[in-house]
Amino acid sequence: MANQHADLIEHYARGGEKLSLAIRGLTRDDMLQNPPADKPELGKWTIQQVVCHLQDSELVYTDRMKRMIAEPNPTLLAYDENLWVKNLNYGDQSPEDAVALVEISRRQLGRILSKLPNDAFARTGNHTETGRKSLLDLIAGANKHLDHHLKFIHAKRAAMGKEMW
């Protein structure tokens, strides 16, 4: 039986490629440029911070999904993204390595997800802040999260005059 969630999984698995393309051609100065305070549509973080946030979020999503696949009703820990940005020295990290981690994590987990039976996507865990979540919820949430932040990266590029196309 074909996986009824194949499109969602494919979207998930290709997320790292989207992130890689989004920062292609940017210099270190571009990556570290603070968005203007008078342009809230550009967000509050540098592109570098967004990329590192996406890396950390991806690792958290991956952990949560693997727990849901492997364990009955796992606890899914919340985290404070602003404290992570503040305390994990995002400005000193490698955006290329961060993107590589996202790409590899998504491709690898995508392979696992594509082999699951359809009923596995209803497996649930208990998020410490938002309550019961299904595996399907987490995949959709990870896709939405990445796409949300990609919009900010593209808006920042446009504001710098460095649109991709």
Foldseek 3Di string as FASTA:
>chain_A
DFAPCLVLLVLQLCLLVLLVLLCPPPDLCQQQDADDPVCCLLPGHGNLLLLLLLLVVLVLLLVVLVCLLPDAAAEREDDDSVVCSVPVPSSPDDSVVSSVSSNVSSNVVSVVVRPDDNVSQQRWYAYPPPGIDGSVRSSVVSSVSSVVSSSSSQVSCVVVVNHPD
